[in-house]
Each structure stands twice: as C-alpha cells, then as structure tokens.
N, C-alpha and C. Protein backbone atom coordinates (compact mmCIF):
# COMPACT_ATOMS: atom_id res chain seq x y z
N MET A 1 1.08 -1.46 0.20
CA MET A 1 -0.01 0.00 0.15
C MET A 1 1.11 1.53 0.16
N ARG A 2 0.48 2.59 -0.51
CA ARG A 2 1.43 3.56 -0.40
C ARG A 2 1.49 4.09 0.33
N ASP A 3 2.49 4.58 1.21
CA ASP A 3 2.70 5.51 1.82
C ASP A 3 2.34 6.50 1.99
N THR A 4 1.43 7.12 3.07
CA THR A 4 0.02 8.61 2.54
C THR A 4 1.05 9.31 2.93
N THR A 5 2.03 9.51 4.09
CA THR A 5 2.85 10.56 4.86
C THR A 5 3.65 11.06 3.80
N ASN A 6 3.92 10.65 3.08
CA ASN A 6 4.81 11.49 1.95
C ASN A 6 3.71 10.93 0.65
N ASN A 7 3.59 12.47 0.07
CA ASN A 7 2.91 12.29 -1.56
C ASN A 7 4.18 11.76 -2.46
N SER A 8 3.19 10.86 -3.22
CA SER A 8 4.49 10.40 -4.39
C SER A 8 4.21 11.31 -5.64
N PRO A 9 5.32 11.10 -5.90
CA PRO A 9 5.66 12.71 -7.27
C PRO A 9 4.35 12.44 -8.18
N LYS A 10 4.20 11.22 -8.65
CA LYS A 10 3.11 11.14 -9.60
C LYS A 10 1.47 11.32 -9.11
N THR A 11 1.36 12.19 -7.81
CA THR A 11 0.20 12.43 -7.36
C THR A 11 0.52 13.52 -6.54
N ASP A 12 2.11 14.14 -6.47
CA ASP A 12 1.44 15.53 -5.81
C ASP A 12 1.30 16.49 -7.08
N LEU A 13 0.49 17.27 -6.70
CA LEU A 13 -0.20 18.30 -7.42
C LEU A 13 0.65 19.49 -7.63
N PRO A 14 1.58 19.85 -6.73
CA PRO A 14 2.36 21.38 -7.11
C PRO A 14 3.23 20.43 -8.43
N SER A 15 4.09 19.68 -8.06
CA SER A 15 5.10 19.12 -9.06
C SER A 15 4.47 18.67 -10.08
N LEU A 16 3.37 18.43 -10.22
CA LEU A 16 2.59 17.80 -11.31
C LEU A 16 2.81 19.16 -12.35
N SER A 17 1.67 19.77 -11.43
CA SER A 17 1.88 21.34 -12.39
C SER A 17 2.90 22.20 -12.68
N ARG A 18 3.67 22.02 -12.13
CA ARG A 18 5.35 22.77 -12.66
C ARG A 18 5.51 21.50 -13.83
N SER A 19 5.71 20.31 -13.84
CA SER A 19 5.97 19.90 -14.62
C SER A 19 5.14 19.30 -16.43
N ILE A 20 3.92 20.59 -15.61
CA ILE A 20 3.32 20.75 -17.29
C ILE A 20 3.51 21.81 -17.54
N ARG A 21 4.24 22.84 -16.57
CA ARG A 21 4.43 24.20 -17.07
C ARG A 21 5.61 24.52 -18.08
N TYR A 22 6.89 23.43 -17.43
CA TYR A 22 8.20 23.41 -17.85
C TYR A 22 7.58 22.64 -19.30
N ALA A 23 6.84 21.86 -19.71
CA ALA A 23 6.39 20.94 -20.57
C ALA A 23 6.41 22.13 -22.01
N GLN A 24 5.74 23.32 -21.44
CA GLN A 24 4.55 24.14 -22.39
C GLN A 24 5.71 25.37 -22.77
N TRP A 25 6.68 25.64 -21.63
CA TRP A 25 7.90 26.46 -21.83
C TRP A 25 8.67 26.11 -22.77
N PHE A 26 9.07 24.35 -22.88
CA PHE A 26 9.36 23.91 -23.36
C PHE A 26 9.42 24.14 -25.66
N VAL A 27 8.02 23.44 -25.22
CA VAL A 27 7.61 23.41 -26.38
C VAL A 27 7.35 25.08 -27.30
N VAL A 28 7.02 26.02 -26.21
CA VAL A 28 7.48 27.41 -26.93
C VAL A 28 8.99 27.71 -27.58
N GLY A 29 9.72 27.45 -26.19
CA GLY A 29 11.04 27.89 -26.24
C GLY A 29 11.54 26.89 -28.00
N THR A 30 11.18 25.95 -27.94
CA THR A 30 11.58 25.07 -28.85
C THR A 30 11.00 25.89 -30.54
N ALA A 31 9.62 26.30 -30.43
CA ALA A 31 8.97 26.71 -31.65
C ALA A 31 9.77 28.22 -31.71
N LEU A 32 9.95 28.92 -30.79
CA LEU A 32 10.61 29.94 -30.93
C LEU A 32 12.01 29.94 -31.21
N SER A 33 13.04 29.06 -30.77
CA SER A 33 14.46 28.99 -31.28
C SER A 33 13.96 28.48 -32.67
N ALA A 34 13.38 27.85 -33.40
CA ALA A 34 13.00 27.26 -34.36
C ALA A 34 12.76 28.31 -35.97
N VAL A 35 11.83 29.08 -34.91
CA VAL A 35 11.53 30.80 -35.95
C VAL A 35 12.57 31.36 -36.28
N LEU A 36 13.66 31.84 -34.69
CA LEU A 36 14.78 32.48 -34.37
C LEU A 36 16.09 31.53 -35.14
N GLY A 37 16.12 31.05 -35.39
CA GLY A 37 16.83 30.08 -36.19
C GLY A 37 17.24 29.89 -37.33
N TYR A 38 15.76 29.76 -37.72
CA TYR A 38 15.38 30.44 -39.16
C TYR A 38 15.62 31.43 -40.01
N PHE A 39 15.13 32.71 -39.04
CA PHE A 39 15.63 33.99 -39.56
C PHE A 39 17.50 34.08 -39.82
N VAL A 40 17.73 33.72 -38.18
CA VAL A 40 19.24 34.12 -38.06
C VAL A 40 19.81 33.48 -39.42
N TRP A 41 19.61 31.85 -39.81
CA TRP A 41 20.31 31.66 -41.19
C TRP A 41 20.13 32.04 -42.18
N PHE A 42 19.04 32.57 -42.65
CA PHE A 42 18.76 33.47 -43.60
C PHE A 42 19.13 34.93 -44.06
N SER A 43 18.85 35.70 -42.61
CA SER A 43 18.96 36.80 -42.58
C SER A 43 20.58 36.91 -42.35
N ALA A 44 21.26 36.43 -41.31
CA ALA A 44 22.24 37.50 -40.49
C ALA A 44 23.57 36.20 -41.51
N VAL A 45 23.43 34.42 -41.74
CA VAL A 45 24.28 33.83 -42.15
C VAL A 45 24.63 34.12 -44.10
N LYS A 46 23.08 34.14 -44.38
CA LYS A 46 22.64 33.79 -45.66
C LYS A 46 22.82 35.54 -46.44
N GLN A 47 22.35 36.05 -45.27
CA GLN A 47 22.23 37.70 -46.04
C GLN A 47 21.40 37.66 -47.42
N LEU A 48 19.98 36.98 -46.94
CA LEU A 48 19.13 37.14 -47.61
C LEU A 48 17.88 38.03 -47.22
N PRO A 49 17.15 38.85 -48.17
CA PRO A 49 16.04 39.86 -47.57
C PRO A 49 14.77 38.72 -47.40
N LEU A 50 13.65 39.34 -46.86
CA LEU A 50 12.62 38.50 -46.61
C LEU A 50 11.61 38.52 -47.81
N SER A 51 11.14 37.16 -48.05
CA SER A 51 10.83 36.80 -49.40
C SER A 51 9.67 37.54 -49.73
N PRO A 52 9.19 37.80 -50.86
CA PRO A 52 7.69 38.75 -50.89
C PRO A 52 6.64 37.55 -51.54
N LEU A 53 7.53 36.44 -51.57
CA LEU A 53 6.82 34.97 -52.22
C LEU A 53 5.67 34.36 -51.85
N GLY A 54 4.50 33.72 -51.39
CA GLY A 54 3.80 33.15 -50.62
C GLY A 54 4.38 31.69 -50.58
N SER A 55 5.12 31.31 -51.71
CA SER A 55 5.28 30.25 -51.69
C SER A 55 6.94 29.86 -50.72
N ASP A 56 7.81 30.78 -50.85
CA ASP A 56 8.77 30.80 -49.89
C ASP A 56 8.16 30.49 -48.12
N TRP A 57 7.01 31.22 -47.96
CA TRP A 57 6.48 31.64 -46.66
C TRP A 57 6.07 30.13 -46.73
N GLY A 58 5.48 29.20 -47.21
CA GLY A 58 4.90 28.15 -47.31
C GLY A 58 5.89 27.20 -46.88
N GLN A 59 7.17 27.18 -47.84
CA GLN A 59 8.33 26.70 -47.19
C GLN A 59 8.47 26.92 -45.44
N PHE A 60 8.57 28.04 -45.41
CA PHE A 60 8.73 28.23 -44.18
C PHE A 60 7.69 27.60 -43.17
N GLY A 61 6.45 27.65 -43.33
CA GLY A 61 5.60 27.18 -42.58
C GLY A 61 5.94 25.67 -42.07
N ASP A 62 6.26 25.15 -43.55
CA ASP A 62 6.11 23.22 -43.77
C ASP A 62 7.47 23.09 -42.52
N CYS A 63 8.65 23.86 -42.73
CA CYS A 63 9.69 23.91 -41.74
C CYS A 63 9.54 24.08 -40.22
N PHE A 64 8.69 25.12 -40.18
CA PHE A 64 8.43 25.81 -38.81
C PHE A 64 7.51 24.30 -38.37
N GLY A 65 6.61 23.59 -38.80
CA GLY A 65 5.62 22.85 -38.50
C GLY A 65 6.41 21.39 -38.71
N GLY A 66 7.08 21.31 -39.46
CA GLY A 66 8.26 19.47 -39.66
C GLY A 66 9.04 19.78 -37.62
N VAL A 67 9.30 20.84 -37.44
CA VAL A 67 9.79 20.82 -36.24
C VAL A 67 9.01 20.94 -35.15
N LEU A 68 8.01 21.74 -35.08
CA LEU A 68 7.16 21.86 -34.07
C LEU A 68 6.07 20.35 -33.72
N ASN A 69 5.25 20.07 -35.12
CA ASN A 69 4.63 18.86 -34.81
C ASN A 69 4.88 17.60 -34.04
N PRO A 70 5.91 16.99 -34.26
CA PRO A 70 6.50 16.13 -33.61
C PRO A 70 6.59 16.56 -32.25
N LEU A 71 6.84 17.64 -31.64
CA LEU A 71 7.52 17.85 -30.63
C LEU A 71 5.93 18.27 -29.56
N VAL A 72 5.09 18.55 -30.36
CA VAL A 72 3.70 18.87 -29.76
C VAL A 72 3.09 17.69 -29.66
N ALA A 73 3.02 16.79 -30.71
CA ALA A 73 2.48 15.42 -30.66
C ALA A 73 3.43 14.74 -29.74
N PHE A 74 4.38 14.39 -29.51
CA PHE A 74 5.14 14.05 -28.32
C PHE A 74 4.39 13.95 -27.11
N PHE A 75 4.84 15.31 -26.63
CA PHE A 75 4.36 15.84 -25.63
C PHE A 75 2.65 15.39 -25.45
N ALA A 76 1.59 15.69 -26.24
CA ALA A 76 0.33 15.11 -26.13
C ALA A 76 0.37 13.96 -25.64
N PHE A 77 1.16 12.76 -26.33
CA PHE A 77 1.17 11.29 -26.10
C PHE A 77 1.51 11.08 -24.55
N TYR A 78 2.47 12.13 -24.23
CA TYR A 78 3.40 11.95 -23.16
C TYR A 78 2.39 12.09 -21.88
N TRP A 79 1.52 13.29 -22.11
CA TRP A 79 0.76 13.27 -20.81
C TRP A 79 -0.57 12.69 -21.06
N LEU A 80 -0.96 12.54 -22.28
CA LEU A 80 -2.35 11.43 -22.32
C LEU A 80 -1.79 9.86 -21.13
N THR A 81 -0.64 9.27 -21.63
CA THR A 81 0.17 8.21 -20.91
C THR A 81 0.16 8.96 -19.33
N ARG A 82 0.42 10.01 -19.13
CA ARG A 82 0.71 9.77 -17.70
C ARG A 82 -0.56 10.13 -17.06
N SER A 83 -1.67 10.55 -17.81
CA SER A 83 -2.79 11.10 -16.85
C SER A 83 -3.53 9.50 -16.93
N VAL A 84 -3.22 8.79 -18.20
CA VAL A 84 -3.76 7.50 -17.95
C VAL A 84 -3.64 6.84 -16.65
N LEU A 85 -2.00 6.85 -16.50
CA LEU A 85 -1.22 6.48 -15.28
C LEU A 85 -1.26 6.79 -13.77
N LEU A 86 -1.91 8.21 -13.90
CA LEU A 86 -2.74 8.97 -12.35
C LEU A 86 -3.66 8.05 -12.37
N GLN A 87 -4.43 8.10 -13.59
CA GLN A 87 -5.91 7.24 -13.19
C GLN A 87 -6.04 5.86 -12.83
N LYS A 88 -5.61 5.34 -13.23
CA LYS A 88 -5.12 3.90 -12.70
C LYS A 88 -4.51 3.92 -11.27
N GLU A 89 -3.66 4.71 -10.89
CA GLU A 89 -2.89 4.88 -9.45
C GLU A 89 -4.55 5.07 -8.85
N GLU A 90 -5.13 6.12 -8.90
CA GLU A 90 -6.48 6.92 -8.23
C GLU A 90 -7.10 5.76 -8.05
N LEU A 91 -7.52 4.95 -9.11
CA LEU A 91 -8.37 3.43 -8.93
C LEU A 91 -8.01 2.46 -8.00
N MET A 92 -6.42 1.95 -8.27
CA MET A 92 -6.13 1.47 -7.31
C MET A 92 -6.01 1.51 -5.75
N GLU A 93 -5.56 2.89 -5.45
CA GLU A 93 -6.39 3.59 -4.09
C GLU A 93 -7.59 3.32 -3.84
N THR A 94 -8.38 3.68 -4.72
CA THR A 94 -9.85 4.02 -4.44
C THR A 94 -10.57 2.42 -3.66
N ARG A 95 -9.78 1.64 -4.91
CA ARG A 95 -9.98 0.25 -4.31
C ARG A 95 -9.18 -0.64 -3.11
N GLN A 96 -8.01 -0.21 -2.83
CA GLN A 96 -7.68 -0.19 -1.37
C GLN A 96 -8.72 0.03 -0.23
N ALA A 97 -8.76 1.83 -0.12
CA ALA A 97 -9.60 1.98 0.58
C ALA A 97 -10.80 1.53 0.57
N LEU A 98 -11.77 1.00 -0.50
CA LEU A 98 -13.20 0.62 0.04
C LEU A 98 -12.71 -0.93 0.77
N GLN A 99 -11.32 -1.30 0.26
CA GLN A 99 -11.31 -3.07 0.77
C GLN A 99 -10.99 -2.43 2.57
N ASP A 100 -10.47 -1.47 2.60
CA ASP A 100 -10.16 -1.68 4.31
C ASP A 100 -11.33 -1.19 4.71
N ALA A 101 -12.08 -0.16 3.92
CA ALA A 101 -13.26 0.12 4.71
C ALA A 101 -14.28 -0.99 5.10
N SER A 102 -14.13 -1.56 4.22
CA SER A 102 -15.25 -3.43 4.16
C SER A 102 -14.50 -4.06 5.62
N ILE A 103 -13.37 -4.27 5.55
CA ILE A 103 -13.09 -4.61 6.48
C ILE A 103 -13.03 -4.12 8.04
N SER A 104 -12.76 -3.19 7.82
CA SER A 104 -13.20 -2.28 9.22
C SER A 104 -14.22 -2.63 9.36
N GLN A 105 -15.69 -2.28 8.68
CA GLN A 105 -17.09 -2.63 8.97
C GLN A 105 -17.26 -3.50 9.74
N ALA A 106 -16.32 -5.36 8.66
CA ALA A 106 -16.71 -6.59 9.20
C ALA A 106 -16.04 -6.26 10.58
N GLN A 107 -14.84 -5.92 10.90
CA GLN A 107 -14.13 -6.06 12.39
C GLN A 107 -15.08 -5.21 13.41
N GLN A 108 -16.10 -4.03 12.93
CA GLN A 108 -16.67 -3.28 13.52
C GLN A 108 -18.19 -3.97 14.37
N SER A 109 -18.66 -4.81 13.21
CA SER A 109 -19.88 -5.41 13.10
C SER A 109 -19.37 -6.55 13.91
N ASP A 110 -18.49 -7.02 13.96
CA ASP A 110 -17.74 -8.47 14.64
C ASP A 110 -18.21 -7.83 16.38
N TYR A 111 -17.38 -6.61 16.54
CA TYR A 111 -17.02 -6.08 18.16
C TYR A 111 -18.48 -6.04 18.48
N ALA A 112 -19.37 -5.30 17.75
CA ALA A 112 -20.96 -5.27 18.31
C ALA A 112 -21.46 -6.54 18.57
N ARG A 113 -21.24 -7.39 17.64
CA ARG A 113 -21.93 -8.54 18.09
C ARG A 113 -21.29 -9.13 19.45
N THR A 114 -20.16 -9.33 19.34
CA THR A 114 -19.18 -9.43 20.87
C THR A 114 -19.79 -8.79 22.08
N SER A 115 -19.97 -7.15 22.03
CA SER A 115 -20.07 -6.54 22.83
C SER A 115 -21.57 -6.98 23.40
N VAL A 116 -22.38 -7.33 22.62
CA VAL A 116 -23.86 -7.66 22.69
C VAL A 116 -23.69 -8.84 23.80
N ARG A 117 -23.22 -9.66 23.04
CA ARG A 117 -23.09 -11.21 23.87
C ARG A 117 -22.67 -11.35 25.18
N VAL A 118 -21.30 -10.26 25.57
CA VAL A 118 -20.64 -10.27 26.52
C VAL A 118 -21.75 -9.78 27.58
N ALA A 119 -22.40 -8.52 27.02
CA ALA A 119 -23.31 -8.18 27.89
C ALA A 119 -24.67 -8.82 28.46
N ALA A 120 -25.40 -9.75 27.86
CA ALA A 120 -26.14 -10.92 27.78
C ALA A 120 -25.43 -11.90 29.10
N LEU A 121 -24.19 -12.20 28.88
CA LEU A 121 -23.88 -13.19 29.19
C LEU A 121 -23.03 -12.74 30.47
N ASN A 122 -22.92 -11.38 31.02
CA ASN A 122 -22.59 -10.93 32.36
C ASN A 122 -24.38 -10.58 32.88
N ALA A 123 -25.25 -10.63 32.09
CA ALA A 123 -26.60 -10.25 32.58
C ALA A 123 -26.93 -11.51 33.46
N LEU A 124 -26.66 -12.54 32.65
CA LEU A 124 -27.22 -14.22 32.56
C LEU A 124 -26.66 -14.35 34.38
N ILE A 125 -25.24 -14.04 33.98
CA ILE A 125 -24.55 -14.83 35.47
C ILE A 125 -25.20 -13.78 36.32
N ASN A 126 -25.33 -12.77 36.50
CA ASN A 126 -25.74 -11.90 37.66
C ASN A 126 -27.45 -12.52 38.30
N SER A 127 -28.06 -12.70 36.80
CA SER A 127 -29.55 -13.25 37.29
C SER A 127 -29.23 -14.92 38.20
N ILE A 128 -28.28 -15.46 37.58
CA ILE A 128 -28.20 -17.07 38.27
C ILE A 128 -27.43 -16.32 39.61
N LEU A 129 -26.75 -15.75 40.10
CA LEU A 129 -26.09 -15.58 41.16
C LEU A 129 -27.76 -15.32 42.62
N MET A 130 -28.08 -13.74 41.67
CA MET A 130 -29.26 -13.50 42.62
C MET A 130 -30.30 -14.78 43.07
N GLU A 131 -30.53 -15.52 41.86
CA GLU A 131 -31.66 -16.59 42.01
C GLU A 131 -31.20 -17.34 43.02
N VAL A 132 -29.32 -18.14 43.17
CA VAL A 132 -29.26 -18.77 44.08
C VAL A 132 -28.79 -18.27 45.49
N GLN A 133 -28.55 -17.17 45.75
CA GLN A 133 -28.78 -16.18 46.82
C GLN A 133 -30.26 -16.11 47.07
N ILE A 134 -31.44 -16.18 46.63
CA ILE A 134 -32.19 -16.45 46.89
C ILE A 134 -32.98 -17.60 47.89
N GLU A 135 -32.34 -18.27 46.79
CA GLU A 135 -33.04 -19.97 47.45
C GLU A 135 -31.80 -20.18 48.72
N ARG A 136 -30.94 -19.89 48.67
CA ARG A 136 -30.24 -20.30 49.74
C ARG A 136 -30.63 -19.30 51.18
N GLN A 137 -31.32 -18.48 50.76
CA GLN A 137 -31.64 -17.75 52.25
C GLN A 137 -32.88 -18.46 52.42
N GLN A 138 -33.69 -19.03 51.75
CA GLN A 138 -34.80 -19.79 51.94
C GLN A 138 -34.51 -21.20 52.65
N ILE A 139 -33.36 -21.57 51.84
CA ILE A 139 -32.78 -22.74 52.66
C ILE A 139 -32.87 -22.83 54.17
N HIS A 140 -31.79 -21.76 54.13
CA HIS A 140 -31.85 -21.27 55.57
C HIS A 140 -32.86 -20.86 56.83
N SER A 141 -33.75 -20.17 55.86
CA SER A 141 -34.88 -19.68 56.75
C SER A 141 -35.70 -21.19 57.33
N LEU A 142 -35.81 -22.10 55.86
CA LEU A 142 -36.54 -23.33 56.46
C LEU A 142 -35.67 -24.02 57.23
N ILE A 143 -34.16 -24.00 57.74
CA ILE A 143 -33.57 -24.98 58.52
C ILE A 143 -34.05 -24.26 59.51
N ALA A 144 -33.52 -22.84 59.67
CA ALA A 144 -33.81 -22.23 61.28
C ALA A 144 -35.14 -22.87 61.24
N GLU A 145 -36.21 -22.50 60.84
CA GLU A 145 -37.74 -22.64 61.29
C GLU A 145 -38.11 -24.08 61.92
N SER A 146 -37.56 -25.08 61.08
CA SER A 146 -37.94 -25.95 61.33
C SER A 146 -36.81 -26.30 62.77
N ARG A 147 -35.58 -26.27 63.42
CA ARG A 147 -34.85 -26.34 64.26
C ARG A 147 -35.84 -25.57 65.34
N SER A 148 -36.63 -24.18 65.34
CA SER A 148 -36.83 -23.95 66.51
C SER A 148 -38.71 -24.46 66.63
N ASN A 149 -38.72 -25.24 65.25
CA ASN A 149 -40.30 -26.14 65.96
C ASN A 149 -39.86 -26.98 66.92
N PRO A 150 -40.77 -27.82 67.96
CA PRO A 150 -40.49 -28.55 68.53
C PRO A 150 -40.66 -30.14 67.66
N ASN A 151 -41.81 -30.12 66.65
CA ASN A 151 -41.57 -30.99 66.17
C ASN A 151 -40.78 -30.99 64.44
N GLY A 152 -40.28 -29.61 64.15
CA GLY A 152 -39.29 -29.84 63.15
C GLY A 152 -40.10 -29.47 62.05
N HIS A 153 -41.38 -28.53 61.89
CA HIS A 153 -41.77 -28.36 60.39
C HIS A 153 -41.10 -27.21 59.83
N ALA A 154 -41.71 -27.04 58.82
CA ALA A 154 -41.16 -25.67 58.30
C ALA A 154 -42.35 -25.01 57.00
N THR A 155 -42.79 -23.81 57.23
CA THR A 155 -43.62 -23.31 56.11
C THR A 155 -42.96 -23.25 54.60
N ILE A 156 -43.49 -23.80 53.60
CA ILE A 156 -42.82 -23.43 52.26
C ILE A 156 -43.29 -21.93 51.79
N PRO A 157 -42.84 -21.35 50.97
CA PRO A 157 -43.32 -19.87 50.30
C PRO A 157 -45.09 -20.00 49.64
N SER A 158 -45.08 -21.27 48.93
CA SER A 158 -46.64 -21.71 49.07
C SER A 158 -47.62 -21.71 49.85
N GLY A 159 -47.17 -22.00 51.32
CA GLY A 159 -48.12 -21.79 52.38
C GLY A 159 -48.00 -23.09 52.63
N GLU A 160 -47.83 -23.84 52.20
CA GLU A 160 -47.74 -25.37 52.50
C GLU A 160 -46.89 -25.78 53.81
N VAL A 161 -47.20 -26.67 55.08
CA VAL A 161 -46.06 -26.74 56.13
C VAL A 161 -45.60 -28.08 55.76
N LEU A 162 -44.74 -28.44 55.53
CA LEU A 162 -43.85 -29.44 55.56
C LEU A 162 -43.12 -30.04 56.29
N TYR A 163 -42.70 -31.79 56.89
CA TYR A 163 -42.08 -32.18 58.24
C TYR A 163 -41.49 -33.10 57.35
N GLY A 164 -40.70 -33.58 58.27
CA GLY A 164 -39.55 -34.60 58.22
C GLY A 164 -39.14 -34.86 56.70
N ALA A 165 -38.87 -36.03 55.98
CA ALA A 165 -38.54 -36.42 54.71
C ALA A 165 -38.95 -35.60 53.67
N MET A 166 -40.20 -34.84 53.99
CA MET A 166 -40.49 -34.00 52.36
C MET A 166 -40.07 -32.61 52.90
N LEU A 167 -39.92 -32.12 53.96
CA LEU A 167 -39.11 -31.20 54.23
C LEU A 167 -37.43 -30.81 53.66
N ARG A 168 -37.16 -32.42 53.78
CA ARG A 168 -35.70 -32.85 53.45
C ARG A 168 -35.41 -32.39 52.18
N ASP A 169 -36.52 -33.50 51.57
CA ASP A 169 -36.70 -33.52 50.28
C ASP A 169 -36.65 -32.12 49.22
N TYR A 170 -37.69 -31.49 50.34
CA TYR A 170 -37.93 -29.76 49.41
C TYR A 170 -36.50 -29.28 49.60
N ILE A 171 -36.02 -29.20 50.89
CA ILE A 171 -34.72 -28.57 50.62
C ILE A 171 -33.79 -28.99 49.83
N LEU A 172 -33.53 -30.16 49.57
CA LEU A 172 -32.55 -31.12 48.59
C LEU A 172 -32.89 -30.71 47.15
N GLY A 173 -34.21 -30.36 46.80
CA GLY A 173 -34.45 -29.83 45.60
C GLY A 173 -34.31 -29.09 44.64
N LEU A 174 -34.29 -27.70 46.33
CA LEU A 174 -33.40 -26.16 46.25
C LEU A 174 -32.18 -26.19 46.08
N ASP A 175 -31.37 -27.24 47.04
CA ASP A 175 -30.47 -27.21 46.52
C ASP A 175 -29.64 -27.85 45.09
N LEU A 176 -30.25 -28.81 44.50
CA LEU A 176 -29.93 -29.38 43.63
C LEU A 176 -30.42 -27.78 42.08
N ARG A 177 -31.68 -27.17 42.46
CA ARG A 177 -31.21 -26.83 41.50
C ARG A 177 -30.43 -25.61 41.59
N ASN A 178 -29.87 -25.39 42.88
CA ASN A 178 -28.88 -24.02 42.77
C ASN A 178 -27.72 -24.64 42.25
N VAL A 179 -27.18 -25.82 42.36
CA VAL A 179 -25.89 -26.77 41.79
C VAL A 179 -25.94 -26.77 39.97
N GLY A 180 -27.17 -26.74 39.53
CA GLY A 180 -27.36 -26.89 37.92
C GLY A 180 -27.26 -25.62 37.90
N ARG A 181 -27.91 -24.58 38.26
CA ARG A 181 -27.29 -23.19 38.09
C ARG A 181 -26.31 -22.75 38.49
N MET A 182 -25.30 -23.04 38.85
CA MET A 182 -23.96 -22.70 39.36
C MET A 182 -23.20 -23.66 37.83
N GLN A 183 -23.42 -24.49 37.49
CA GLN A 183 -22.75 -25.50 36.44
C GLN A 183 -23.51 -24.45 35.14
N LYS A 184 -24.40 -24.04 35.13
CA LYS A 184 -24.79 -23.26 33.91
C LYS A 184 -24.05 -21.77 33.90
N LYS A 185 -23.63 -21.45 35.21
CA LYS A 185 -22.88 -20.20 35.51
C LYS A 185 -21.50 -19.99 34.70
N LEU A 186 -21.09 -21.62 35.12
CA LEU A 186 -19.72 -21.88 35.00
C LEU A 186 -19.35 -21.94 33.24
N GLU A 187 -20.67 -22.18 32.61
CA GLU A 187 -20.75 -22.28 31.32
C GLU A 187 -20.76 -20.89 30.50
N TYR A 188 -21.09 -20.05 31.18
CA TYR A 188 -21.57 -18.94 30.94
C TYR A 188 -19.98 -17.88 31.19
N GLU A 189 -19.26 -18.47 32.38
CA GLU A 189 -18.27 -17.69 32.35
C GLU A 189 -17.40 -18.07 31.24
N ASP A 190 -17.33 -19.48 31.50
CA ASP A 190 -16.40 -19.75 30.09
C ASP A 190 -16.33 -19.11 28.67
N GLU A 191 -17.58 -19.13 28.71
CA GLU A 191 -18.11 -18.44 26.44
C GLU A 191 -17.21 -17.09 26.75
N LEU A 192 -17.53 -16.56 28.17
CA LEU A 192 -17.17 -14.80 28.33
C LEU A 192 -15.95 -14.79 28.11
N LYS A 193 -14.95 -15.81 28.95
CA LYS A 193 -13.41 -15.60 28.73
C LYS A 193 -13.01 -15.88 27.36
N LYS A 194 -13.78 -16.96 26.70
CA LYS A 194 -13.23 -17.23 25.12
C LYS A 194 -13.51 -15.98 24.37
N LEU A 195 -14.80 -15.38 24.59
CA LEU A 195 -15.10 -14.03 23.63
C LEU A 195 -14.10 -13.02 24.25
N LEU A 196 -13.73 -12.67 25.64
CA LEU A 196 -12.64 -11.68 25.91
C LEU A 196 -11.61 -12.18 25.25
N GLY A 197 -11.15 -13.32 25.18
CA GLY A 197 -9.57 -13.98 25.08
C GLY A 197 -9.63 -13.53 23.77
N ALA A 198 -10.24 -13.67 22.44
CA ALA A 198 -9.87 -13.48 21.33
C ALA A 198 -10.26 -12.65 20.54
N HIS A 199 -10.85 -11.08 21.76
CA HIS A 199 -10.72 -9.52 20.95
C HIS A 199 -9.69 -9.40 21.93
N ARG A 200 -8.83 -9.59 22.50
CA ARG A 200 -7.75 -8.60 23.16
C ARG A 200 -6.63 -8.46 21.76
C-alpha cells in the first residue's frame, strides 16, 4: 500500500503542475528557437532579404510545422499516458480504501456482536447469582424454622407446611437447582472468557 505520509511524485499536484508548465515552456521555447534559427540562418548567415513570395513563406511554414508538430505530438502522447497512469493509480488507491473500509466495517460488526453477547452473558450470570442467593436464604430460613419448631416443621413460600422427609426432599430439590444453576454459570463464564480472549 502506498505511504500516505509522503505524496508520491505521481500524485503530488504542485510537482505535476510544475512539470506541465516546464513542458509548455519547452514547446514554446523550441518553437521560438526554430523561428529565430530560421531567420538568423537566412538573414545573418546567408544575408537574404525577406521573401515577398507566398511559396517561400509556405516552405517556412512547412519547416516550422515539421519541427513543431512532432514535438507537440510527443508531449500530447506523454501527458495522455501520464494521465492514464494517474487514473490507474487513483483507481487502485480507491479500491484499496474500499477494501480497508469493508474490513473495518466487518471488524466493527464483529465487535458489536461480541459486545452484545458479553452484555447478555454478564446479565445471565448476575441473574443466576441472584437466584442462587435467594434460594440459599430460603434454605437457611427453612432449616432455622424447622429447628425452632418442636415437631421440626417449616412453611414453604406456597404456604404448605412440610415435616421430616418431605421438608428434607424440598430443601434437597432447592439445593440441586442451585447446583444446576452454578453449572450453567460456569458455562457462561467459560464462554465469556473465550469471547474476551479472542478480542484482545
């Protein structure tokens, strides 16, 4: 990829403008030199007066055109070729910029999806911790109530009074639910670690 900190000579507009001006001056200078050389040769060296004949001036025009036309054609071809190269370079830079933008957009989309999933996992983990804490408090409350009653009964949230084995089974069910929740919490935490580790 082209270094954008330093403009290349092909795309440096001030340098390009200078090159065009130099080419124009060169063509004009060559044309003036051809005319001046023609007059010096025939006036100073050959010491011939200006011809009143149109045919002589036609020959002068042919000579002048023969010198100037190839030069103008060369520079026209040169600047046409250079303009095509500049357009090709600009198209390549545009294509590279579009590819970079596409990659950046894909990365941002991936980061957004990851952020949403991370937030969801954090919410699920916090929800599980809250549910586990509530059920543990319920278990402690039921155990404390059964110990305070002479016949060992306790009232569950539905209002039903449980004794002995039924109360133990109910508490065991709450405890098993908490174990399942904690297992799910560990799975969410593993997924969270993988997501965060992949985007470091």
